[in-house]
Amino acid sequence: MSWVFLILGVAAEAVSHVALKATDGFSKPGAVALVAFGHLCAFVALSFAMKGMPVGIVHGLWAALAILGVNLLSMLVYQEHLDLTTWVGMGLIVAGVLVVNLGQGHAH
């Protein structure tokens, strides 16, 4: 169940970060409310994910997956496109976070 909460937390975080651009410097109340609600949902979901997974693993996976989620959503919502070099760089960041967090093992 921790993985479900982790994915929900990543999705909420990605949506709220993409919505942050729509706040136009926090001048649009509807977008600001979406950002605040998204962050609240993300942290609640992550707290439930941490009930069954170590903090470092949850945080590392959340950060890595959020990078991908935000970029994919901004491509859909804002038609932002990144060049291949940027995608490779982000892939290396995600891979590094995964290796560090999953490779260290953990005890319950």
N, C-alpha and C. Protein backbone atom coordinates (compact mmCIF):
# COMPACT_ATOMS: atom_id res chain seq x y z
N MET A 1 0.81 -1.19 0.00
CA MET A 1 0.00 0.00 0.00
C MET A 1 0.86 1.26 0.00
N SER A 2 2.07 1.16 0.54
CA SER A 2 2.96 2.32 0.58
C SER A 2 3.26 2.84 -0.82
N TRP A 3 3.40 1.92 -1.77
CA TRP A 3 3.69 2.34 -3.15
C TRP A 3 2.53 3.12 -3.75
N VAL A 4 1.30 2.73 -3.41
CA VAL A 4 0.13 3.45 -3.91
C VAL A 4 0.14 4.88 -3.38
N PHE A 5 0.40 5.02 -2.09
CA PHE A 5 0.47 6.36 -1.51
C PHE A 5 1.62 7.18 -2.08
N LEU A 6 2.74 6.53 -2.33
CA LEU A 6 3.88 7.22 -2.93
C LEU A 6 3.50 7.76 -4.31
N ILE A 7 2.87 6.95 -5.13
CA ILE A 7 2.47 7.38 -6.48
C ILE A 7 1.44 8.50 -6.39
N LEU A 8 0.49 8.40 -5.46
CA LEU A 8 -0.49 9.47 -5.28
C LEU A 8 0.20 10.78 -4.85
N GLY A 9 1.18 10.66 -3.96
CA GLY A 9 1.92 11.84 -3.53
C GLY A 9 2.70 12.48 -4.66
N VAL A 10 3.31 11.66 -5.50
CA VAL A 10 4.05 12.17 -6.67
C VAL A 10 3.09 12.88 -7.62
N ALA A 11 1.94 12.27 -7.87
CA ALA A 11 0.96 12.87 -8.79
C ALA A 11 0.46 14.21 -8.26
N ALA A 12 0.13 14.26 -6.97
CA ALA A 12 -0.35 15.52 -6.38
C ALA A 12 0.73 16.60 -6.43
N GLU A 13 1.94 16.21 -6.16
CA GLU A 13 3.06 17.17 -6.20
C GLU A 13 3.29 17.68 -7.62
N ALA A 14 3.28 16.81 -8.59
CA ALA A 14 3.50 17.22 -9.98
C ALA A 14 2.40 18.17 -10.45
N VAL A 15 1.15 17.85 -10.14
CA VAL A 15 0.05 18.72 -10.53
C VAL A 15 0.18 20.09 -9.87
N SER A 16 0.50 20.10 -8.58
CA SER A 16 0.60 21.39 -7.88
C SER A 16 1.77 22.22 -8.40
N HIS A 17 2.87 21.58 -8.76
CA HIS A 17 4.00 22.34 -9.30
C HIS A 17 3.69 22.91 -10.68
N VAL A 18 3.01 22.15 -11.50
CA VAL A 18 2.63 22.66 -12.82
C VAL A 18 1.61 23.79 -12.66
N ALA A 19 0.69 23.66 -11.71
CA ALA A 19 -0.30 24.71 -11.46
C ALA A 19 0.35 25.98 -10.91
N LEU A 20 1.52 25.85 -10.32
CA LEU A 20 2.22 27.02 -9.76
C LEU A 20 2.45 28.09 -10.82
N LYS A 21 2.73 27.67 -12.04
CA LYS A 21 2.94 28.63 -13.13
C LYS A 21 1.65 29.43 -13.40
N ALA A 22 0.51 28.76 -13.26
CA ALA A 22 -0.78 29.41 -13.52
C ALA A 22 -1.17 30.42 -12.44
N THR A 23 -0.48 30.43 -11.31
CA THR A 23 -0.81 31.40 -10.26
C THR A 23 -0.44 32.82 -10.66
N ASP A 24 0.45 32.95 -11.66
CA ASP A 24 0.89 34.26 -12.14
C ASP A 24 1.37 35.12 -10.97
N GLY A 25 2.33 34.58 -10.25
CA GLY A 25 2.88 35.32 -9.09
C GLY A 25 1.91 35.37 -7.93
N PHE A 26 1.14 34.33 -7.77
CA PHE A 26 0.13 34.19 -6.70
C PHE A 26 -0.97 35.24 -6.80
N SER A 27 -1.27 35.67 -8.03
CA SER A 27 -2.33 36.66 -8.23
C SER A 27 -3.65 36.02 -8.68
N LYS A 28 -3.67 34.71 -8.90
CA LYS A 28 -4.88 34.01 -9.33
C LYS A 28 -5.33 33.06 -8.22
N PRO A 29 -6.36 33.44 -7.46
CA PRO A 29 -6.76 32.65 -6.29
C PRO A 29 -7.10 31.19 -6.58
N GLY A 30 -7.74 30.90 -7.69
CA GLY A 30 -8.08 29.52 -8.01
C GLY A 30 -6.86 28.65 -8.18
N ALA A 31 -5.87 29.16 -8.90
CA ALA A 31 -4.63 28.42 -9.11
C ALA A 31 -3.86 28.28 -7.80
N VAL A 32 -3.86 29.34 -6.99
CA VAL A 32 -3.18 29.28 -5.68
C VAL A 32 -3.82 28.20 -4.82
N ALA A 33 -5.16 28.12 -4.84
CA ALA A 33 -5.85 27.09 -4.06
C ALA A 33 -5.48 25.69 -4.54
N LEU A 34 -5.36 25.52 -5.86
CA LEU A 34 -4.97 24.22 -6.41
C LEU A 34 -3.56 23.84 -5.97
N VAL A 35 -2.66 24.81 -5.96
CA VAL A 35 -1.27 24.56 -5.53
C VAL A 35 -1.26 24.15 -4.06
N ALA A 36 -1.95 24.91 -3.22
CA ALA A 36 -1.97 24.61 -1.78
C ALA A 36 -2.60 23.24 -1.52
N PHE A 37 -3.71 22.95 -2.18
CA PHE A 37 -4.38 21.66 -2.01
C PHE A 37 -3.51 20.51 -2.51
N GLY A 38 -2.86 20.72 -3.64
CA GLY A 38 -1.98 19.69 -4.19
C GLY A 38 -0.82 19.37 -3.26
N HIS A 39 -0.22 20.42 -2.69
CA HIS A 39 0.88 20.18 -1.75
C HIS A 39 0.39 19.47 -0.49
N LEU A 40 -0.75 19.89 0.01
CA LEU A 40 -1.31 19.23 1.19
C LEU A 40 -1.57 17.74 0.91
N CYS A 41 -2.19 17.46 -0.22
CA CYS A 41 -2.45 16.06 -0.60
C CYS A 41 -1.16 15.27 -0.75
N ALA A 42 -0.15 15.90 -1.34
CA ALA A 42 1.14 15.22 -1.53
C ALA A 42 1.75 14.84 -0.19
N PHE A 43 1.76 15.77 0.75
CA PHE A 43 2.40 15.47 2.03
C PHE A 43 1.60 14.47 2.85
N VAL A 44 0.28 14.52 2.76
CA VAL A 44 -0.52 13.51 3.46
C VAL A 44 -0.24 12.13 2.87
N ALA A 45 -0.24 12.03 1.54
CA ALA A 45 0.03 10.74 0.89
C ALA A 45 1.43 10.24 1.24
N LEU A 46 2.41 11.14 1.23
CA LEU A 46 3.78 10.72 1.55
C LEU A 46 3.90 10.27 3.00
N SER A 47 3.15 10.90 3.89
CA SER A 47 3.21 10.47 5.29
C SER A 47 2.69 9.05 5.43
N PHE A 48 1.67 8.69 4.64
CA PHE A 48 1.15 7.31 4.67
C PHE A 48 2.14 6.36 4.00
N ALA A 49 2.81 6.81 2.95
CA ALA A 49 3.82 5.97 2.31
C ALA A 49 4.95 5.64 3.28
N MET A 50 5.29 6.60 4.14
CA MET A 50 6.38 6.41 5.09
C MET A 50 6.03 5.46 6.23
N LYS A 51 4.76 5.09 6.34
CA LYS A 51 4.40 4.11 7.36
C LYS A 51 4.98 2.75 7.03
N GLY A 52 5.21 2.48 5.74
CA GLY A 52 5.70 1.17 5.35
C GLY A 52 7.03 1.19 4.62
N MET A 53 7.59 2.38 4.43
CA MET A 53 8.88 2.50 3.72
C MET A 53 9.75 3.51 4.47
N PRO A 54 11.07 3.36 4.38
CA PRO A 54 11.97 4.31 5.03
C PRO A 54 11.84 5.72 4.43
N VAL A 55 12.04 6.71 5.27
CA VAL A 55 11.92 8.11 4.85
C VAL A 55 12.82 8.42 3.65
N GLY A 56 14.06 8.01 3.70
CA GLY A 56 15.01 8.31 2.63
C GLY A 56 14.58 7.73 1.29
N ILE A 57 14.04 6.54 1.31
CA ILE A 57 13.60 5.91 0.06
C ILE A 57 12.37 6.62 -0.48
N VAL A 58 11.41 6.91 0.39
CA VAL A 58 10.21 7.62 -0.05
C VAL A 58 10.60 8.98 -0.63
N HIS A 59 11.43 9.70 0.09
CA HIS A 59 11.79 11.05 -0.38
C HIS A 59 12.57 10.99 -1.68
N GLY A 60 13.51 10.08 -1.79
CA GLY A 60 14.30 9.97 -3.01
C GLY A 60 13.46 9.60 -4.22
N LEU A 61 12.59 8.61 -4.05
CA LEU A 61 11.72 8.21 -5.15
C LEU A 61 10.74 9.33 -5.51
N TRP A 62 10.20 9.99 -4.49
CA TRP A 62 9.27 11.09 -4.71
C TRP A 62 9.94 12.19 -5.53
N ALA A 63 11.15 12.56 -5.15
CA ALA A 63 11.86 13.62 -5.87
C ALA A 63 12.14 13.22 -7.32
N ALA A 64 12.64 12.01 -7.51
CA ALA A 64 12.99 11.55 -8.85
C ALA A 64 11.76 11.45 -9.74
N LEU A 65 10.71 10.85 -9.22
CA LEU A 65 9.50 10.68 -10.03
C LEU A 65 8.78 12.01 -10.27
N ALA A 66 8.88 12.93 -9.30
CA ALA A 66 8.27 14.25 -9.49
C ALA A 66 8.95 15.03 -10.61
N ILE A 67 10.26 14.87 -10.75
CA ILE A 67 10.97 15.53 -11.85
C ILE A 67 10.37 15.11 -13.18
N LEU A 68 10.18 13.82 -13.34
CA LEU A 68 9.59 13.31 -14.58
C LEU A 68 8.13 13.76 -14.73
N GLY A 69 7.38 13.66 -13.66
CA GLY A 69 5.96 14.03 -13.72
C GLY A 69 5.74 15.48 -14.08
N VAL A 70 6.51 16.37 -13.46
CA VAL A 70 6.36 17.80 -13.75
C VAL A 70 6.69 18.08 -15.20
N ASN A 71 7.75 17.49 -15.71
CA ASN A 71 8.12 17.75 -17.10
C ASN A 71 7.12 17.18 -18.09
N LEU A 72 6.61 16.00 -17.81
CA LEU A 72 5.61 15.42 -18.70
C LEU A 72 4.31 16.23 -18.68
N LEU A 73 3.88 16.65 -17.49
CA LEU A 73 2.68 17.46 -17.40
C LEU A 73 2.85 18.83 -18.06
N SER A 74 4.04 19.45 -17.88
CA SER A 74 4.23 20.76 -18.51
C SER A 74 4.29 20.66 -20.02
N MET A 75 4.68 19.50 -20.52
CA MET A 75 4.61 19.30 -21.97
C MET A 75 3.15 19.28 -22.43
N LEU A 76 2.30 18.62 -21.65
CA LEU A 76 0.88 18.53 -22.01
C LEU A 76 0.15 19.85 -21.80
N VAL A 77 0.36 20.48 -20.65
CA VAL A 77 -0.41 21.66 -20.28
C VAL A 77 0.10 22.93 -20.96
N TYR A 78 1.42 23.12 -20.97
CA TYR A 78 2.00 24.37 -21.47
C TYR A 78 2.75 24.21 -22.79
N GLN A 79 2.72 23.02 -23.37
CA GLN A 79 3.43 22.72 -24.61
C GLN A 79 4.94 23.06 -24.49
N GLU A 80 5.48 22.86 -23.30
CA GLU A 80 6.92 23.06 -23.10
C GLU A 80 7.65 21.80 -23.56
N HIS A 81 8.70 22.01 -24.31
CA HIS A 81 9.47 20.87 -24.81
C HIS A 81 10.94 21.04 -24.44
N LEU A 82 11.54 19.96 -24.04
CA LEU A 82 12.94 19.96 -23.63
C LEU A 82 13.76 19.23 -24.68
N ASP A 83 15.00 19.66 -24.82
CA ASP A 83 15.85 18.99 -25.80
C ASP A 83 16.38 17.67 -25.24
N LEU A 84 16.98 16.90 -26.10
CA LEU A 84 17.46 15.56 -25.73
C LEU A 84 18.49 15.63 -24.60
N THR A 85 19.37 16.61 -24.65
CA THR A 85 20.40 16.74 -23.61
C THR A 85 19.76 16.93 -22.24
N THR A 86 18.72 17.73 -22.17
CA THR A 86 18.04 17.97 -20.90
C THR A 86 17.38 16.69 -20.40
N TRP A 87 16.73 15.94 -21.31
CA TRP A 87 16.11 14.68 -20.92
C TRP A 87 17.15 13.68 -20.41
N VAL A 88 18.30 13.63 -21.08
CA VAL A 88 19.37 12.73 -20.63
C VAL A 88 19.84 13.14 -19.23
N GLY A 89 20.01 14.43 -19.03
CA GLY A 89 20.43 14.93 -17.72
C GLY A 89 19.43 14.58 -16.63
N MET A 90 18.15 14.77 -16.92
CA MET A 90 17.12 14.41 -15.93
C MET A 90 17.10 12.91 -15.69
N GLY A 91 17.30 12.15 -16.74
CA GLY A 91 17.36 10.70 -16.57
C GLY A 91 18.50 10.28 -15.67
N LEU A 92 19.63 10.96 -15.80
CA LEU A 92 20.77 10.67 -14.93
C LEU A 92 20.48 11.04 -13.48
N ILE A 93 19.78 12.16 -13.28
CA ILE A 93 19.40 12.54 -11.92
C ILE A 93 18.48 11.48 -11.32
N VAL A 94 17.47 11.09 -12.06
CA VAL A 94 16.53 10.07 -11.59
C VAL A 94 17.27 8.76 -11.31
N ALA A 95 18.12 8.36 -12.23
CA ALA A 95 18.88 7.12 -12.03
C ALA A 95 19.77 7.22 -10.80
N GLY A 96 20.41 8.34 -10.61
CA GLY A 96 21.27 8.53 -9.44
C GLY A 96 20.49 8.44 -8.14
N VAL A 97 19.35 9.09 -8.09
CA VAL A 97 18.52 9.04 -6.88
C VAL A 97 18.06 7.62 -6.62
N LEU A 98 17.65 6.92 -7.66
CA LEU A 98 17.21 5.54 -7.49
C LEU A 98 18.34 4.64 -7.01
N VAL A 99 19.51 4.78 -7.59
CA VAL A 99 20.64 3.95 -7.19
C VAL A 99 21.02 4.21 -5.73
N VAL A 100 21.11 5.47 -5.36
CA VAL A 100 21.48 5.82 -3.98
C VAL A 100 20.46 5.29 -2.99
N ASN A 101 19.18 5.48 -3.29
CA ASN A 101 18.15 5.12 -2.32
C ASN A 101 17.80 3.65 -2.32
N LEU A 102 17.77 3.02 -3.46
CA LEU A 102 17.41 1.62 -3.49
C LEU A 102 18.62 0.72 -3.24
N GLY A 103 19.80 1.20 -3.54
CA GLY A 103 21.00 0.40 -3.40
C GLY A 103 21.53 0.30 -1.99
N GLN A 104 21.06 1.16 -1.08
CA GLN A 104 21.61 1.13 0.27
C GLN A 104 20.94 0.11 1.18
N GLY A 105 19.83 -0.46 0.74
CA GLY A 105 19.14 -1.46 1.57
C GLY A 105 18.61 -0.82 2.84
N HIS A 106 17.73 -1.52 3.49
CA HIS A 106 17.17 -0.99 4.73
C HIS A 106 16.62 -2.12 5.58
N ALA A 107 16.57 -1.85 6.87
CA ALA A 107 16.01 -2.82 7.81
C ALA A 107 14.75 -2.22 8.42
N HIS A 108 13.82 -3.07 8.74
CA HIS A 108 12.56 -2.59 9.35
C HIS A 108 12.62 -2.72 10.84
